[in-house]
Amino acid sequence: MMDEESFAVKLPQFEGPFDLLLFFIERDELDIHDIPIARITDDFLNYIHQMVSLNIEVASEFIFVAATLMRIKAKMLLPRYEAENGESEIDQKEELIRKLIEYKKFKELCEELKPFEDERFKQEKRGNIAYDVEQAEKISQPGEELTDVSLYKLMMVYDRLMKRYTNRAEEVKHTVVQYPYTIEKQKEAINDLLRINKMMDFKAIAQNSDNKVHFVYNFLAVLEMLQQELLDIQIGLGYNNFWISVKGEGQAAN
């Protein structure tokens, strides 16, 4: 006997009743402008019955569309006549088709916009937006800009920010500094220092560096020389403490 708890039926997820109707139309390659109401109503109701049998909560919008389809189907089977309010089953069917076509347009448009959304999420947010908003609000009363938003107010804020940008006291300049260091040059410099001092510790390497970039090149040069077995290294006591010497000379000195 099959264990009921180990058996599960998974239904596809649809965002709404129109999404389900479009699925049936595309699956059976139907003409959206001439939907066979009886056929699509049966498919729609069968899907809802499966949801109910699996104790899945059925949204009210699904129930409403199901009732509309059943009403149209029932009236299509009866002799056609004009209702008192002037609305016939043909009008209801055309209204349903019109909504389906509009829904399909929005769905296709959303699919086209989704890649743009994915690309936008890859970008970083502006870090100085809070400062810009604070500067834009200094002229007006506190909170006035946020009472209601209109296109005119957005244009005024934009104009104010552009004037501040144009009339700023100091012009922003971006300077690119090209450092004259290379690893090969620093290897030669470390060799020259070791000929004089025989051994050098971490502090000496830092003291012989003009700036942080120079120190990074010196440190990379030491690492490369260790990898090429041109240097010996001796670990000392304390934090970031070590000694380097030319291969073989450090041991001879000891």
Foldseek 3Di string as FASTA:
>chain_A
DDDPVVDDDDDDDAPAQLRVLVVVCVVVVHDLQDDPLVVSLVVLVVVVVVCVVRVHDDDVRSVVVSVLSVVLVVQVPDDWDQDPVRDTSVNSSNVVSVVSVVVVVVVVVVVVCVVVVVVVVVDDDDPCVVVLVVVLCPVDDVCPCVPDDDPVSVVVSVVVSVVCQVPPPDDDDDDDDDDPDDLVVLLVVVVVVCVVVQKDKPVRLVVPAPDPVSSVSNVVNVVVCVVVQQKDKAADDDDRIIMIGGRPSVVVVD
